[in-house]
Amino acid sequence: MTSARGRCRGRAPTRLGTWLFTVVLGVACGLTGCYAPPSVTQRVSDAARDLNLAARFGDLEGAAALAAPAVRAEFLARRALWGGEIRILDVELQGLRVDEAGARAFV
């Protein structure tokens, strides 16, 4: 039977070696977790779904905060009866188009 020292060829691991291994392993794990930021289309799709979900559950102020500032008043006026006389049971995102510059999106 060989001792732990015999298996390491006579050298015990040093604290510096252990620390260095831990740092290298941490950096390697950190780099594998890097990913590209979401695309413009993905961000628009997420915002549209959040807006529809907020509107569905009667949070029109939250939904209006996700609408473009230029159309926010019209958005609230068109949905004034939601949560009162009109109750939204389901929503579906039917289409999404982002202009080439990525400045405007139509959902």
N, C-alpha and C. Protein backbone atom coordinates (compact mmCIF):
# COMPACT_ATOMS: atom_id res chain seq x y z
N MET A 1 0.85 -1.18 0.00
CA MET A 1 0.00 0.00 0.00
C MET A 1 0.89 1.24 0.00
N THR A 2 0.57 2.19 -0.85
CA THR A 2 1.38 3.40 -0.93
C THR A 2 0.71 4.52 -0.16
N SER A 3 1.50 5.40 0.34
CA SER A 3 0.96 6.54 1.07
C SER A 3 0.53 7.63 0.08
N ALA A 4 -0.16 8.63 0.61
CA ALA A 4 -0.58 9.76 -0.22
C ALA A 4 0.62 10.46 -0.80
N ARG A 5 1.70 10.50 -0.04
CA ARG A 5 2.91 11.14 -0.52
C ARG A 5 3.52 10.36 -1.66
N GLY A 6 3.41 9.04 -1.59
CA GLY A 6 3.96 8.21 -2.65
C GLY A 6 3.20 8.39 -3.95
N ARG A 7 1.94 8.60 -3.86
CA ARG A 7 1.14 8.79 -5.07
C ARG A 7 1.44 10.13 -5.73
N CYS A 8 1.86 11.12 -4.96
CA CYS A 8 2.17 12.45 -5.51
C CYS A 8 3.64 12.56 -5.85
N ARG A 9 4.31 11.45 -5.97
CA ARG A 9 5.73 11.40 -6.32
C ARG A 9 6.59 12.14 -5.31
N GLY A 10 6.21 12.02 -4.08
CA GLY A 10 7.04 12.58 -3.02
C GLY A 10 6.78 14.03 -2.71
N ARG A 11 5.89 14.69 -3.45
CA ARG A 11 5.62 16.10 -3.17
C ARG A 11 4.20 16.25 -2.67
N ALA A 12 4.05 16.91 -1.57
CA ALA A 12 2.71 17.24 -1.06
C ALA A 12 2.26 18.51 -1.75
N PRO A 13 0.98 18.64 -2.05
CA PRO A 13 0.52 19.88 -2.68
C PRO A 13 0.74 21.07 -1.76
N THR A 14 1.16 22.17 -2.33
CA THR A 14 1.41 23.38 -1.54
C THR A 14 0.16 24.22 -1.51
N ARG A 15 0.13 25.13 -0.57
CA ARG A 15 -1.02 26.05 -0.50
C ARG A 15 -1.08 26.93 -1.74
N LEU A 16 0.07 27.33 -2.23
CA LEU A 16 0.09 28.16 -3.43
C LEU A 16 -0.46 27.40 -4.62
N GLY A 17 -0.09 26.13 -4.75
CA GLY A 17 -0.59 25.31 -5.85
C GLY A 17 -2.09 25.11 -5.74
N THR A 18 -2.57 24.88 -4.53
CA THR A 18 -4.01 24.70 -4.33
C THR A 18 -4.75 26.00 -4.64
N TRP A 19 -4.21 27.11 -4.18
CA TRP A 19 -4.83 28.42 -4.43
C TRP A 19 -4.84 28.72 -5.94
N LEU A 20 -3.72 28.46 -6.60
CA LEU A 20 -3.63 28.71 -8.04
C LEU A 20 -4.63 27.84 -8.81
N PHE A 21 -4.73 26.58 -8.42
CA PHE A 21 -5.70 25.69 -9.06
C PHE A 21 -7.12 26.21 -8.87
N THR A 22 -7.44 26.67 -7.67
CA THR A 22 -8.77 27.19 -7.38
C THR A 22 -9.07 28.42 -8.23
N VAL A 23 -8.11 29.31 -8.36
CA VAL A 23 -8.30 30.52 -9.17
C VAL A 23 -8.50 30.16 -10.64
N VAL A 24 -7.66 29.27 -11.16
CA VAL A 24 -7.79 28.88 -12.57
C VAL A 24 -9.13 28.19 -12.81
N LEU A 25 -9.53 27.33 -11.89
CA LEU A 25 -10.82 26.65 -12.03
C LEU A 25 -11.97 27.66 -11.97
N GLY A 26 -11.89 28.64 -11.08
CA GLY A 26 -12.92 29.66 -10.97
C GLY A 26 -13.02 30.50 -12.23
N VAL A 27 -11.89 30.90 -12.79
CA VAL A 27 -11.89 31.69 -14.02
C VAL A 27 -12.46 30.87 -15.17
N ALA A 28 -12.07 29.60 -15.26
CA ALA A 28 -12.58 28.74 -16.33
C ALA A 28 -14.10 28.58 -16.21
N CYS A 29 -14.59 28.38 -15.01
CA CYS A 29 -16.04 28.25 -14.82
C CYS A 29 -16.75 29.57 -15.13
N GLY A 30 -16.14 30.68 -14.75
CA GLY A 30 -16.73 31.98 -15.03
C GLY A 30 -16.82 32.28 -16.51
N LEU A 31 -15.79 31.89 -17.26
CA LEU A 31 -15.80 32.13 -18.69
C LEU A 31 -16.80 31.26 -19.42
N THR A 32 -17.07 30.09 -18.92
CA THR A 32 -18.06 29.25 -19.58
C THR A 32 -19.47 29.79 -19.36
N GLY A 33 -19.65 30.63 -18.34
CA GLY A 33 -20.96 31.21 -18.07
C GLY A 33 -21.23 32.47 -18.86
N CYS A 34 -20.25 32.98 -19.59
CA CYS A 34 -20.46 34.19 -20.39
C CYS A 34 -21.35 33.87 -21.58
N TYR A 35 -22.21 34.79 -21.89
CA TYR A 35 -23.10 34.60 -23.02
C TYR A 35 -23.34 35.94 -23.68
N ALA A 36 -23.83 35.88 -24.88
CA ALA A 36 -24.10 37.11 -25.63
C ALA A 36 -25.36 37.77 -25.06
N PRO A 37 -25.41 39.08 -25.04
CA PRO A 37 -26.63 39.75 -24.57
C PRO A 37 -27.79 39.44 -25.50
N PRO A 38 -29.01 39.55 -25.00
CA PRO A 38 -30.16 39.24 -25.86
C PRO A 38 -30.26 40.20 -27.04
N SER A 39 -30.76 39.70 -28.13
CA SER A 39 -30.91 40.52 -29.34
C SER A 39 -32.04 41.53 -29.15
N VAL A 40 -32.12 42.47 -30.05
CA VAL A 40 -33.19 43.48 -30.01
C VAL A 40 -34.54 42.78 -30.11
N THR A 41 -34.65 41.80 -30.99
CA THR A 41 -35.91 41.09 -31.16
C THR A 41 -36.31 40.37 -29.88
N GLN A 42 -35.34 39.76 -29.20
CA GLN A 42 -35.65 39.06 -27.96
C GLN A 42 -36.10 40.03 -26.86
N ARG A 43 -35.43 41.18 -26.78
CA ARG A 43 -35.82 42.18 -25.77
C ARG A 43 -37.23 42.71 -26.05
N VAL A 44 -37.55 42.97 -27.33
CA VAL A 44 -38.88 43.46 -27.70
C VAL A 44 -39.93 42.40 -27.38
N SER A 45 -39.63 41.16 -27.72
CA SER A 45 -40.57 40.07 -27.44
C SER A 45 -40.84 39.94 -25.95
N ASP A 46 -39.78 40.02 -25.14
CA ASP A 46 -39.96 39.94 -23.68
C ASP A 46 -40.80 41.10 -23.16
N ALA A 47 -40.53 42.32 -23.66
CA ALA A 47 -41.29 43.49 -23.21
C ALA A 47 -42.76 43.38 -23.62
N ALA A 48 -43.02 42.88 -24.84
CA ALA A 48 -44.40 42.72 -25.30
C ALA A 48 -45.14 41.70 -24.46
N ARG A 49 -44.49 40.62 -24.14
CA ARG A 49 -45.13 39.60 -23.30
C ARG A 49 -45.39 40.14 -21.89
N ASP A 50 -44.43 40.89 -21.34
CA ASP A 50 -44.63 41.49 -20.02
C ASP A 50 -45.79 42.48 -20.04
N LEU A 51 -45.87 43.28 -21.11
CA LEU A 51 -46.96 44.25 -21.24
C LEU A 51 -48.31 43.53 -21.30
N ASN A 52 -48.40 42.49 -22.12
CA ASN A 52 -49.66 41.76 -22.24
C ASN A 52 -50.03 41.05 -20.94
N LEU A 53 -49.05 40.52 -20.25
CA LEU A 53 -49.32 39.84 -18.99
C LEU A 53 -49.80 40.83 -17.93
N ALA A 54 -49.17 42.00 -17.86
CA ALA A 54 -49.60 43.02 -16.91
C ALA A 54 -51.02 43.48 -17.22
N ALA A 55 -51.32 43.69 -18.49
CA ALA A 55 -52.66 44.12 -18.89
C ALA A 55 -53.69 43.03 -18.58
N ARG A 56 -53.31 41.79 -18.80
CA ARG A 56 -54.24 40.69 -18.55
C ARG A 56 -54.67 40.62 -17.09
N PHE A 57 -53.74 40.91 -16.19
CA PHE A 57 -54.06 40.82 -14.76
C PHE A 57 -54.45 42.17 -14.16
N GLY A 58 -54.81 43.12 -15.01
CA GLY A 58 -55.37 44.38 -14.54
C GLY A 58 -54.36 45.42 -14.09
N ASP A 59 -53.09 45.21 -14.32
CA ASP A 59 -52.06 46.19 -13.94
C ASP A 59 -51.81 47.11 -15.13
N LEU A 60 -52.78 47.97 -15.41
CA LEU A 60 -52.66 48.84 -16.58
C LEU A 60 -51.57 49.88 -16.43
N GLU A 61 -51.32 50.33 -15.22
CA GLU A 61 -50.22 51.29 -15.02
C GLU A 61 -48.88 50.63 -15.34
N GLY A 62 -48.71 49.39 -14.90
CA GLY A 62 -47.50 48.65 -15.22
C GLY A 62 -47.37 48.39 -16.70
N ALA A 63 -48.49 48.07 -17.33
CA ALA A 63 -48.49 47.84 -18.77
C ALA A 63 -48.19 49.13 -19.52
N ALA A 64 -48.77 50.23 -19.08
CA ALA A 64 -48.55 51.52 -19.75
C ALA A 64 -47.08 51.94 -19.63
N ALA A 65 -46.44 51.58 -18.53
CA ALA A 65 -45.01 51.92 -18.37
C ALA A 65 -44.16 51.22 -19.41
N LEU A 66 -44.64 50.10 -19.95
CA LEU A 66 -43.89 49.37 -20.98
C LEU A 66 -44.23 49.85 -22.39
N ALA A 67 -45.29 50.64 -22.53
CA ALA A 67 -45.65 51.18 -23.84
C ALA A 67 -44.76 52.37 -24.16
N ALA A 68 -44.61 52.66 -25.43
CA ALA A 68 -43.79 53.81 -25.85
C ALA A 68 -44.41 55.08 -25.29
N PRO A 69 -43.59 56.03 -24.82
CA PRO A 69 -44.13 57.27 -24.25
C PRO A 69 -45.05 58.02 -25.20
N ALA A 70 -44.78 57.97 -26.49
CA ALA A 70 -45.59 58.71 -27.46
C ALA A 70 -47.01 58.16 -27.57
N VAL A 71 -47.22 56.88 -27.25
CA VAL A 71 -48.54 56.27 -27.39
C VAL A 71 -49.13 55.85 -26.05
N ARG A 72 -48.50 56.24 -24.96
CA ARG A 72 -48.95 55.81 -23.63
C ARG A 72 -50.35 56.29 -23.30
N ALA A 73 -50.66 57.55 -23.59
CA ALA A 73 -51.99 58.09 -23.30
C ALA A 73 -53.05 57.37 -24.12
N GLU A 74 -52.77 57.14 -25.39
CA GLU A 74 -53.71 56.42 -26.26
C GLU A 74 -53.88 54.98 -25.76
N PHE A 75 -52.79 54.37 -25.33
CA PHE A 75 -52.84 53.00 -24.80
C PHE A 75 -53.80 52.92 -23.61
N LEU A 76 -53.67 53.86 -22.68
CA LEU A 76 -54.55 53.87 -21.50
C LEU A 76 -56.00 54.18 -21.87
N ALA A 77 -56.20 55.11 -22.81
CA ALA A 77 -57.56 55.47 -23.22
C ALA A 77 -58.27 54.29 -23.89
N ARG A 78 -57.55 53.55 -24.74
CA ARG A 78 -58.16 52.41 -25.44
C ARG A 78 -58.45 51.25 -24.50
N ARG A 79 -57.79 51.23 -23.34
CA ARG A 79 -57.98 50.12 -22.42
C ARG A 79 -58.62 50.55 -21.10
N ALA A 80 -59.33 51.66 -21.13
CA ALA A 80 -59.93 52.22 -19.91
C ALA A 80 -60.94 51.27 -19.27
N LEU A 81 -61.61 50.46 -20.07
CA LEU A 81 -62.64 49.56 -19.53
C LEU A 81 -62.08 48.21 -19.07
N TRP A 82 -60.80 47.98 -19.33
CA TRP A 82 -60.20 46.71 -18.92
C TRP A 82 -60.17 46.61 -17.41
N GLY A 83 -60.51 45.48 -16.90
CA GLY A 83 -60.52 45.27 -15.46
C GLY A 83 -61.85 45.66 -14.84
N GLY A 84 -62.68 46.36 -15.56
CA GLY A 84 -64.01 46.76 -15.09
C GLY A 84 -65.06 46.02 -15.90
N GLU A 85 -65.53 46.68 -16.96
CA GLU A 85 -66.53 46.06 -17.82
C GLU A 85 -65.94 44.97 -18.71
N ILE A 86 -64.68 45.12 -19.03
CA ILE A 86 -64.01 44.14 -19.90
C ILE A 86 -62.94 43.41 -19.09
N ARG A 87 -62.97 42.11 -19.18
CA ARG A 87 -61.98 41.30 -18.47
C ARG A 87 -61.21 40.48 -19.51
N ILE A 88 -59.90 40.57 -19.47
CA ILE A 88 -59.04 39.86 -20.41
C ILE A 88 -58.76 38.47 -19.85
N LEU A 89 -59.09 37.45 -20.63
CA LEU A 89 -58.88 36.08 -20.19
C LEU A 89 -57.62 35.46 -20.78
N ASP A 90 -57.25 35.90 -21.95
CA ASP A 90 -56.08 35.32 -22.59
C ASP A 90 -55.50 36.34 -23.57
N VAL A 91 -54.22 36.28 -23.76
CA VAL A 91 -53.56 37.13 -24.74
C VAL A 91 -52.65 36.25 -25.58
N GLU A 92 -52.41 36.70 -26.81
CA GLU A 92 -51.54 35.95 -27.70
C GLU A 92 -50.76 36.94 -28.54
N LEU A 93 -49.49 36.74 -28.59
CA LEU A 93 -48.61 37.57 -29.42
C LEU A 93 -48.64 36.99 -30.83
N GLN A 94 -49.20 37.76 -31.77
CA GLN A 94 -49.39 37.23 -33.11
C GLN A 94 -48.29 37.62 -34.08
N GLY A 95 -47.64 38.71 -33.83
CA GLY A 95 -46.60 39.13 -34.76
C GLY A 95 -45.64 40.10 -34.12
N LEU A 96 -44.43 40.12 -34.64
CA LEU A 96 -43.39 40.99 -34.12
C LEU A 96 -42.50 41.39 -35.29
N ARG A 97 -42.33 42.69 -35.45
CA ARG A 97 -41.47 43.18 -36.53
C ARG A 97 -40.62 44.32 -35.98
N VAL A 98 -39.32 44.22 -36.17
CA VAL A 98 -38.38 45.26 -35.74
C VAL A 98 -37.80 45.88 -37.00
N ASP A 99 -37.75 47.24 -37.06
CA ASP A 99 -37.17 47.87 -38.24
C ASP A 99 -35.68 47.57 -38.31
N GLU A 100 -35.08 47.81 -39.47
CA GLU A 100 -33.70 47.44 -39.70
C GLU A 100 -32.73 48.13 -38.75
N ALA A 101 -33.04 49.34 -38.35
CA ALA A 101 -32.15 50.07 -37.45
C ALA A 101 -32.30 49.61 -36.02
N GLY A 102 -33.37 48.88 -35.73
CA GLY A 102 -33.62 48.42 -34.37
C GLY A 102 -34.18 49.50 -33.46
N ALA A 103 -34.66 50.60 -34.08
CA ALA A 103 -35.17 51.72 -33.29
C ALA A 103 -36.65 51.61 -32.98
N ARG A 104 -37.41 50.91 -33.84
CA ARG A 104 -38.85 50.78 -33.65
C ARG A 104 -39.26 49.33 -33.82
N ALA A 105 -40.27 48.96 -33.06
CA ALA A 105 -40.80 47.60 -33.17
C ALA A 105 -42.31 47.68 -33.23
N PHE A 106 -42.90 46.78 -33.96
CA PHE A 106 -44.35 46.70 -34.08
C PHE A 106 -44.77 45.30 -33.65
N VAL A 107 -45.63 45.26 -32.62
CA VAL A 107 -46.06 43.97 -32.08
C VAL A 107 -47.55 43.85 -32.27
